[in-house]
Amino acid sequence: MTAGPRIKEYIESKGISQTFLGRRAGIPIGKLNQTLNGNRRFQLDEYERICWALEVPADTFLKPHPPEPIESYPNQ
C-alpha cells in the first residue's frame, strides 16, 4: 500500500473529509482524490502540506522497503 491509501484510511478513521483536507492543505480535491485512491503519486510538497494539515509527523504514512534485487547491471 502506498502513502495515498494510508492517508485515506487515516482520515476516514478520524472522520476528516477529503474536501476539508484538500482545502486545509491547498490541494485541489480532484488531485487529492486521485492520490488517495492510488491513481496518482504525491509530489513531495503536497505530502508535506498534508502532514502539516493533519498535524502528524512526515514519516507517519511512509513505510520503507528494500529495493528489488538487481541480478546484473547492464554492460558488465
PDB file of N, CA and C in Angstrom:
ATOM      1  N   MET A   1       0.848  -1.178   0.000  1.00  0.00           N
ATOM      2  CA  MET A   1       0.000   0.000   0.000  1.00  0.00           C
ATOM      3  C   MET A   1       0.898   1.246   0.000  1.00  0.00           C
ATOM      4  N   THR A   2       0.541   2.216  -0.814  1.00  0.00           N
ATOM      5  CA  THR A   2       1.315   3.456  -0.888  1.00  0.00           C
ATOM      6  C   THR A   2       0.771   4.478   0.107  1.00  0.00           C
ATOM      7  N   ALA A   3       1.438   5.622   0.184  1.00  0.00           N
ATOM      8  CA  ALA A   3       1.059   6.641   1.165  1.00  0.00           C
ATOM      9  C   ALA A   3      -0.366   7.159   0.960  1.00  0.00           C
ATOM     10  N   GLY A   4      -0.798   7.319  -0.281  1.00  0.00           N
ATOM     11  CA  GLY A   4      -2.140   7.849  -0.538  1.00  0.00           C
ATOM     12  C   GLY A   4      -3.246   7.053   0.141  1.00  0.00           C
ATOM     13  N   PRO A   5      -3.331   5.750  -0.125  1.00  0.00           N
ATOM     14  CA  PRO A   5      -4.353   4.952   0.547  1.00  0.00           C
ATOM     15  C   PRO A   5      -4.192   4.909   2.072  1.00  0.00           C
ATOM     16  N   ARG A   6      -2.952   4.980   2.566  1.00  0.00           N
ATOM     17  CA  ARG A   6      -2.758   5.029   4.025  1.00  0.00           C
ATOM     18  C   ARG A   6      -3.362   6.312   4.603  1.00  0.00           C
ATOM     19  N   ILE A   7      -3.148   7.421   3.894  1.00  0.00           N
ATOM     20  CA  ILE A   7      -3.727   8.689   4.344  1.00  0.00           C
ATOM     21  C   ILE A   7      -5.248   8.616   4.285  1.00  0.00           C
ATOM     22  N   LYS A   8      -5.775   8.002   3.244  1.00  0.00           N
ATOM     23  CA  LYS A   8      -7.227   7.863   3.109  1.00  0.00           C
ATOM     24  C   LYS A   8      -7.803   7.080   4.293  1.00  0.00           C
ATOM     25  N   GLU A   9      -7.174   5.972   4.653  1.00  0.00           N
ATOM     26  CA  GLU A   9      -7.630   5.192   5.814  1.00  0.00           C
ATOM     27  C   GLU A   9      -7.584   6.040   7.084  1.00  0.00           C
ATOM     28  N   TYR A  10      -6.506   6.796   7.236  1.00  0.00           N
ATOM     29  CA  TYR A  10      -6.336   7.638   8.430  1.00  0.00           C
ATOM     30  C   TYR A  10      -7.434   8.689   8.524  1.00  0.00           C
ATOM     31  N   ILE A  11      -7.674   9.419   7.439  1.00  0.00           N
ATOM     32  CA  ILE A  11      -8.678  10.492   7.527  1.00  0.00           C
ATOM     33  C   ILE A  11     -10.082   9.926   7.719  1.00  0.00           C
ATOM     34  N   GLU A  12     -10.354   8.777   7.104  1.00  0.00           N
ATOM     35  CA  GLU A  12     -11.663   8.151   7.306  1.00  0.00           C
ATOM     36  C   GLU A  12     -11.830   7.722   8.764  1.00  0.00           C
ATOM     37  N   SER A  13     -10.773   7.192   9.359  1.00  0.00           N
ATOM     38  CA  SER A  13     -10.860   6.749  10.759  1.00  0.00           C
ATOM     39  C   SER A  13     -11.042   7.926  11.716  1.00  0.00           C
ATOM     40  N   LYS A  14     -10.582   9.097  11.320  1.00  0.00           N
ATOM     41  CA  LYS A  14     -10.694  10.301  12.150  1.00  0.00           C
ATOM     42  C   LYS A  14     -11.919  11.146  11.796  1.00  0.00           C
ATOM     43  N   GLY A  15     -12.685  10.729  10.789  1.00  0.00           N
ATOM     44  CA  GLY A  15     -13.874  11.482  10.379  1.00  0.00           C
ATOM     45  C   GLY A  15     -13.553  12.776   9.650  1.00  0.00           C
ATOM     46  N   ILE A  16     -12.402  12.824   8.992  1.00  0.00           N
ATOM     47  CA  ILE A  16     -11.974  14.014   8.250  1.00  0.00           C
ATOM     48  C   ILE A  16     -12.343  13.819   6.783  1.00  0.00           C
ATOM     49  N   SER A  17     -12.979  14.806   6.188  1.00  0.00           N
ATOM     50  CA  SER A  17     -13.367  14.685   4.782  1.00  0.00           C
ATOM     51  C   SER A  17     -12.205  15.049   3.869  1.00  0.00           C
ATOM     52  N   GLN A  18     -12.240  14.514   2.668  1.00  0.00           N
ATOM     53  CA  GLN A  18     -11.244  14.865   1.661  1.00  0.00           C
ATOM     54  C   GLN A  18     -11.345  16.347   1.310  1.00  0.00           C
ATOM     55  N   THR A  19     -12.549  16.871   1.292  1.00  0.00           N
ATOM     56  CA  THR A  19     -12.745  18.292   0.987  1.00  0.00           C
ATOM     57  C   THR A  19     -12.061  19.162   2.034  1.00  0.00           C
ATOM     58  N   PHE A  20     -12.253  18.834   3.300  1.00  0.00           N
ATOM     59  CA  PHE A  20     -11.611  19.593   4.376  1.00  0.00           C
ATOM     60  C   PHE A  20     -10.096  19.516   4.247  1.00  0.00           C
ATOM     61  N   LEU A  21      -9.574  18.312   4.040  1.00  0.00           N
ATOM     62  CA  LEU A  21      -8.132  18.130   3.930  1.00  0.00           C
ATOM     63  C   LEU A  21      -7.574  18.885   2.728  1.00  0.00           C
ATOM     64  N   GLY A  22      -8.251  18.779   1.601  1.00  0.00           N
ATOM     65  CA  GLY A  22      -7.792  19.476   0.403  1.00  0.00           C
ATOM     66  C   GLY A  22      -7.741  20.982   0.601  1.00  0.00           C
ATOM     67  N   ARG A  23      -8.775  21.526   1.208  1.00  0.00           N
ATOM     68  CA  ARG A  23      -8.797  22.971   1.454  1.00  0.00           C
ATOM     69  C   ARG A  23      -7.703  23.383   2.431  1.00  0.00           C
ATOM     70  N   ARG A  24      -7.564  22.642   3.501  1.00  0.00           N
ATOM     71  CA  ARG A  24      -6.552  22.994   4.514  1.00  0.00           C
ATOM     72  C   ARG A  24      -5.128  22.860   3.972  1.00  0.00           C
ATOM     73  N   ALA A  25      -4.913  21.858   3.122  1.00  0.00           N
ATOM     74  CA  ALA A  25      -3.577  21.628   2.560  1.00  0.00           C
ATOM     75  C   ALA A  25      -3.337  22.423   1.276  1.00  0.00           C
ATOM     76  N   GLY A  26      -4.378  23.034   0.725  1.00  0.00           N
ATOM     77  CA  GLY A  26      -4.221  23.796  -0.507  1.00  0.00           C
ATOM     78  C   GLY A  26      -4.028  22.930  -1.737  1.00  0.00           C
ATOM     79  N   ILE A  27      -4.692  21.765  -1.753  1.00  0.00           N
ATOM     80  CA  ILE A  27      -4.589  20.827  -2.874  1.00  0.00           C
ATOM     81  C   ILE A  27      -5.981  20.668  -3.480  1.00  0.00           C
ATOM     82  N   PRO A  28      -6.118  20.846  -4.804  1.00  0.00           N
ATOM     83  CA  PRO A  28      -7.434  20.668  -5.436  1.00  0.00           C
ATOM     84  C   PRO A  28      -8.008  19.286  -5.121  1.00  0.00           C
ATOM     85  N   ILE A  29      -9.294  19.236  -4.844  1.00  0.00           N
ATOM     86  CA  ILE A  29      -9.942  17.997  -4.405  1.00  0.00           C
ATOM     87  C   ILE A  29      -9.790  16.865  -5.424  1.00  0.00           C
ATOM     88  N   GLY A  30      -9.864  17.165  -6.714  1.00  0.00           N
ATOM     89  CA  GLY A  30      -9.712  16.123  -7.730  1.00  0.00           C
ATOM     90  C   GLY A  30      -8.338  15.480  -7.680  1.00  0.00           C
ATOM     91  N   LYS A  31      -7.327  16.295  -7.534  1.00  0.00           N
ATOM     92  CA  LYS A  31      -5.944  15.817  -7.441  1.00  0.00           C
ATOM     93  C   LYS A  31      -5.755  15.000  -6.157  1.00  0.00           C
ATOM     94  N   LEU A  32      -6.296  15.506  -5.057  1.00  0.00           N
ATOM     95  CA  LEU A  32      -6.190  14.794  -3.783  1.00  0.00           C
ATOM     96  C   LEU A  32      -6.903  13.447  -3.858  1.00  0.00           C
ATOM     97  N   ASN A  33      -8.092  13.436  -4.415  1.00  0.00           N
ATOM     98  CA  ASN A  33      -8.870  12.197  -4.528  1.00  0.00           C
ATOM     99  C   ASN A  33      -8.138  11.148  -5.352  1.00  0.00           C
ATOM    100  N   GLN A  34      -7.552  11.559  -6.465  1.00  0.00           N
ATOM    101  CA  GLN A  34      -6.806  10.607  -7.295  1.00  0.00           C
ATOM    102  C   GLN A  34      -5.653   9.990  -6.511  1.00  0.00           C
ATOM    103  N   THR A  35      -4.994  10.819  -5.733  1.00  0.00           N
ATOM    104  CA  THR A  35      -3.850  10.330  -4.966  1.00  0.00           C
ATOM    105  C   THR A  35      -4.272   9.415  -3.834  1.00  0.00           C
ATOM    106  N   LEU A  36      -5.314   9.800  -3.120  1.00  0.00           N
ATOM    107  CA  LEU A  36      -5.778   8.974  -2.004  1.00  0.00           C
ATOM    108  C   LEU A  36      -6.300   7.622  -2.473  1.00  0.00           C
ATOM    109  N   ASN A  37      -6.754   7.571  -3.724  1.00  0.00           N
ATOM    110  CA  ASN A  37      -7.252   6.312  -4.282  1.00  0.00           C
ATOM    111  C   ASN A  37      -6.167   5.516  -5.003  1.00  0.00           C
ATOM    112  N   GLY A  38      -4.918   5.998  -4.932  1.00  0.00           N
ATOM    113  CA  GLY A  38      -3.805   5.260  -5.521  1.00  0.00           C
ATOM    114  C   GLY A  38      -3.647   5.429  -7.018  1.00  0.00           C
ATOM    115  N   ASN A  39      -4.319   6.406  -7.617  1.00  0.00           N
ATOM    116  CA  ASN A  39      -4.247   6.619  -9.064  1.00  0.00           C
ATOM    117  C   ASN A  39      -3.235   7.690  -9.468  1.00  0.00           C
ATOM    118  N   ARG A  40      -2.574   8.276  -8.497  1.00  0.00           N
ATOM    119  CA  ARG A  40      -1.619   9.354  -8.747  1.00  0.00           C
ATOM    120  C   ARG A  40      -0.655   9.389  -7.571  1.00  0.00           C
ATOM    121  N   ARG A  41       0.586   9.777  -7.825  1.00  0.00           N
ATOM    122  CA  ARG A  41       1.556   9.910  -6.741  1.00  0.00           C
ATOM    123  C   ARG A  41       1.603  11.346  -6.253  1.00  0.00           C
ATOM    124  N   PHE A  42       1.831  11.496  -4.959  1.00  0.00           N
ATOM    125  CA  PHE A  42       2.017  12.820  -4.385  1.00  0.00           C
ATOM    126  C   PHE A  42       3.311  13.429  -4.879  1.00  0.00           C
ATOM    127  N   GLN A  43       3.326  14.738  -5.002  1.00  0.00           N
ATOM    128  CA  GLN A  43       4.581  15.460  -5.102  1.00  0.00           C
ATOM    129  C   GLN A  43       5.010  15.695  -3.653  1.00  0.00           C
ATOM    130  N   LEU A  44       6.295  15.835  -3.430  1.00  0.00           N
ATOM    131  CA  LEU A  44       6.801  15.964  -2.067  1.00  0.00           C
ATOM    132  C   LEU A  44       6.152  17.133  -1.333  1.00  0.00           C
ATOM    133  N   ASP A  45       6.005  18.270  -1.997  1.00  0.00           N
ATOM    134  CA  ASP A  45       5.408  19.423  -1.309  1.00  0.00           C
ATOM    135  C   ASP A  45       3.951  19.172  -0.949  1.00  0.00           C
ATOM    136  N   GLU A  46       3.232  18.411  -1.747  1.00  0.00           N
ATOM    137  CA  GLU A  46       1.844  18.067  -1.413  1.00  0.00           C
ATOM    138  C   GLU A  46       1.809  17.183  -0.166  1.00  0.00           C
ATOM    139  N   TYR A  47       2.698  16.207  -0.134  1.00  0.00           N
ATOM    140  CA  TYR A  47       2.756  15.312   1.025  1.00  0.00           C
ATOM    141  C   TYR A  47       3.076  16.098   2.292  1.00  0.00           C
ATOM    142  N   GLU A  48       4.021  17.017   2.190  1.00  0.00           N
ATOM    143  CA  GLU A  48       4.380  17.847   3.350  1.00  0.00           C
ATOM    144  C   GLU A  48       3.191  18.676   3.827  1.00  0.00           C
ATOM    145  N   ARG A  49       2.443  19.237   2.888  1.00  0.00           N
ATOM    146  CA  ARG A  49       1.282  20.048   3.266  1.00  0.00           C
ATOM    147  C   ARG A  49       0.184  19.203   3.895  1.00  0.00           C
ATOM    148  N   ILE A  50       0.018  17.989   3.420  1.00  0.00           N
ATOM    149  CA  ILE A  50      -0.994  17.095   4.007  1.00  0.00           C
ATOM    150  C   ILE A  50      -0.599  16.738   5.439  1.00  0.00           C
ATOM    151  N   CYS A  51       0.653  16.399   5.645  1.00  0.00           N
ATOM    152  CA  CYS A  51       1.106  16.100   7.010  1.00  0.00           C
ATOM    153  C   CYS A  51       0.922  17.311   7.909  1.00  0.00           C
ATOM    154  N   TRP A  52       1.224  18.500   7.397  1.00  0.00           N
ATOM    155  CA  TRP A  52       1.015  19.728   8.173  1.00  0.00           C
ATOM    156  C   TRP A  52      -0.464  19.894   8.500  1.00  0.00           C
ATOM    157  N   ALA A  53      -1.326  19.722   7.492  1.00  0.00           N
ATOM    158  CA  ALA A  53      -2.768  19.894   7.683  1.00  0.00           C
ATOM    159  C   ALA A  53      -3.325  18.905   8.705  1.00  0.00           C
ATOM    160  N   LEU A  54      -2.779  17.695   8.723  1.00  0.00           N
ATOM    161  CA  LEU A  54      -3.242  16.669   9.662  1.00  0.00           C
ATOM    162  C   LEU A  54      -2.520  16.727  11.003  1.00  0.00           C
ATOM    163  N   GLU A  55      -1.516  17.583  11.079  1.00  0.00           N
ATOM    164  CA  GLU A  55      -0.718  17.745  12.300  1.00  0.00           C
ATOM    165  C   GLU A  55      -0.085  16.432  12.738  1.00  0.00           C
ATOM    166  N   VAL A  56       0.540  15.753  11.760  1.00  0.00           N
ATOM    167  CA  VAL A  56       1.244  14.495  12.031  1.00  0.00           C
ATOM    168  C   VAL A  56       2.672  14.614  11.509  1.00  0.00           C
ATOM    169  N   PRO A  57       3.605  13.851  12.072  1.00  0.00           N
ATOM    170  CA  PRO A  57       4.978  13.853  11.559  1.00  0.00           C
ATOM    171  C   PRO A  57       5.022  13.336  10.111  1.00  0.00           C
ATOM    172  N   ALA A  58       5.997  13.803   9.366  1.00  0.00           N
ATOM    173  CA  ALA A  58       6.102  13.440   7.949  1.00  0.00           C
ATOM    174  C   ALA A  58       6.297  11.951   7.711  1.00  0.00           C
ATOM    175  N   ASP A  59       6.816  11.223   8.684  1.00  0.00           N
ATOM    176  CA  ASP A  59       7.027   9.787   8.476  1.00  0.00           C
ATOM    177  C   ASP A  59       5.813   8.928   8.847  1.00  0.00           C
ATOM    178  N   THR A  60       4.721   9.546   9.200  1.00  0.00           N
ATOM    179  CA  THR A  60       3.533   8.815   9.639  1.00  0.00           C
ATOM    180  C   THR A  60       3.018   7.825   8.600  1.00  0.00           C
ATOM    181  N   PHE A  61       3.022   8.201   7.336  1.00  0.00           N
ATOM    182  CA  PHE A  61       2.423   7.371   6.291  1.00  0.00           C
ATOM    183  C   PHE A  61       3.452   6.696   5.392  1.00  0.00           C
ATOM    184  N   LEU A  62       4.731   6.822   5.730  1.00  0.00           N
ATOM    185  CA  LEU A  62       5.779   6.238   4.918  1.00  0.00           C
ATOM    186  C   LEU A  62       6.230   4.917   5.525  1.00  0.00           C
ATOM    187  N   LYS A  63       6.359   3.917   4.690  1.00  0.00           N
ATOM    188  CA  LYS A  63       6.826   2.607   5.125  1.00  0.00           C
ATOM    189  C   LYS A  63       8.006   2.217   4.244  1.00  0.00           C
ATOM    190  N   PRO A  64       9.236   2.306   4.781  1.00  0.00           N
ATOM    191  CA  PRO A  64      10.397   1.963   3.961  1.00  0.00           C
ATOM    192  C   PRO A  64      10.407   0.484   3.591  1.00  0.00           C
ATOM    193  N   HIS A  65      10.925   0.219   2.428  1.00  0.00           N
ATOM    194  CA  HIS A  65      11.085  -1.168   1.993  1.00  0.00           C
ATOM    195  C   HIS A  65      12.330  -1.245   1.121  1.00  0.00           C
ATOM    196  N   PRO A  66      13.027  -2.376   1.162  1.00  0.00           N
ATOM    197  CA  PRO A  66      14.256  -2.503   0.382  1.00  0.00           C
ATOM    198  C   PRO A  66      13.939  -2.567  -1.114  1.00  0.00           C
ATOM    199  N   PRO A  67      14.883  -2.154  -1.934  1.00  0.00           N
ATOM    200  CA  PRO A  67      14.672  -2.253  -3.383  1.00  0.00           C
ATOM    201  C   PRO A  67      14.695  -3.706  -3.840  1.00  0.00           C
ATOM    202  N   GLU A  68      14.137  -3.924  -4.996  1.00  0.00           N
ATOM    203  CA  GLU A  68      14.194  -5.260  -5.591  1.00  0.00           C
ATOM    204  C   GLU A  68      15.654  -5.573  -5.915  1.00  0.00           C
ATOM    205  N   PRO A  69      16.090  -6.809  -5.711  1.00  0.00           N
ATOM    206  CA  PRO A  69      17.473  -7.141  -6.041  1.00  0.00           C
ATOM    207  C   PRO A  69      17.724  -7.012  -7.550  1.00  0.00           C
ATOM    208  N   ILE A  70      18.894  -6.548  -7.874  1.00  0.00           N
ATOM    209  CA  ILE A  70      19.288  -6.429  -9.276  1.00  0.00           C
ATOM    210  C   ILE A  70      20.208  -7.600  -9.587  1.00  0.00           C
ATOM    211  N   GLU A  71      19.803  -8.417 -10.564  1.00  0.00           N
ATOM    212  CA  GLU A  71      20.578  -9.608 -10.873  1.00  0.00           C
ATOM    213  C   GLU A  71      21.886  -9.255 -11.581  1.00  0.00           C
ATOM    214  N   SER A  72      21.830  -8.297 -12.469  1.00  0.00           N
ATOM    215  CA  SER A  72      23.063  -7.874 -13.135  1.00  0.00           C
ATOM    216  C   SER A  72      22.863  -6.451 -13.643  1.00  0.00           C
ATOM    217  N   TYR A  73      23.947  -5.762 -13.771  1.00  0.00           N
ATOM    218  CA  TYR A  73      23.923  -4.421 -14.291  1.00  0.00           C
ATOM    219  C   TYR A  73      24.251  -4.474 -15.775  1.00  0.00           C
ATOM    220  N   PRO A  74      23.658  -3.589 -16.563  1.00  0.00           N
ATOM    221  CA  PRO A  74      23.991  -3.569 -17.996  1.00  0.00           C
ATOM    222  C   PRO A  74      25.479  -3.249 -18.187  1.00  0.00           C
ATOM    223  N   ASN A  75      26.037  -3.784 -19.242  1.00  0.00           N
ATOM    224  CA  ASN A  75      27.426  -3.525 -19.640  1.00  0.00           C
ATOM    225  C   ASN A  75      28.439  -4.014 -18.614  1.00  0.00           C
ATOM    226  N   GLN A  76      28.150  -5.096 -17.935  1.00  0.00           N
ATOM    227  CA  GLN A  76      29.147  -5.658 -17.002  1.00  0.00           C
ATOM    228  C   GLN A  76      29.523  -7.038 -17.430  1.00  0.00           C
TER     229      GLN A  76
END
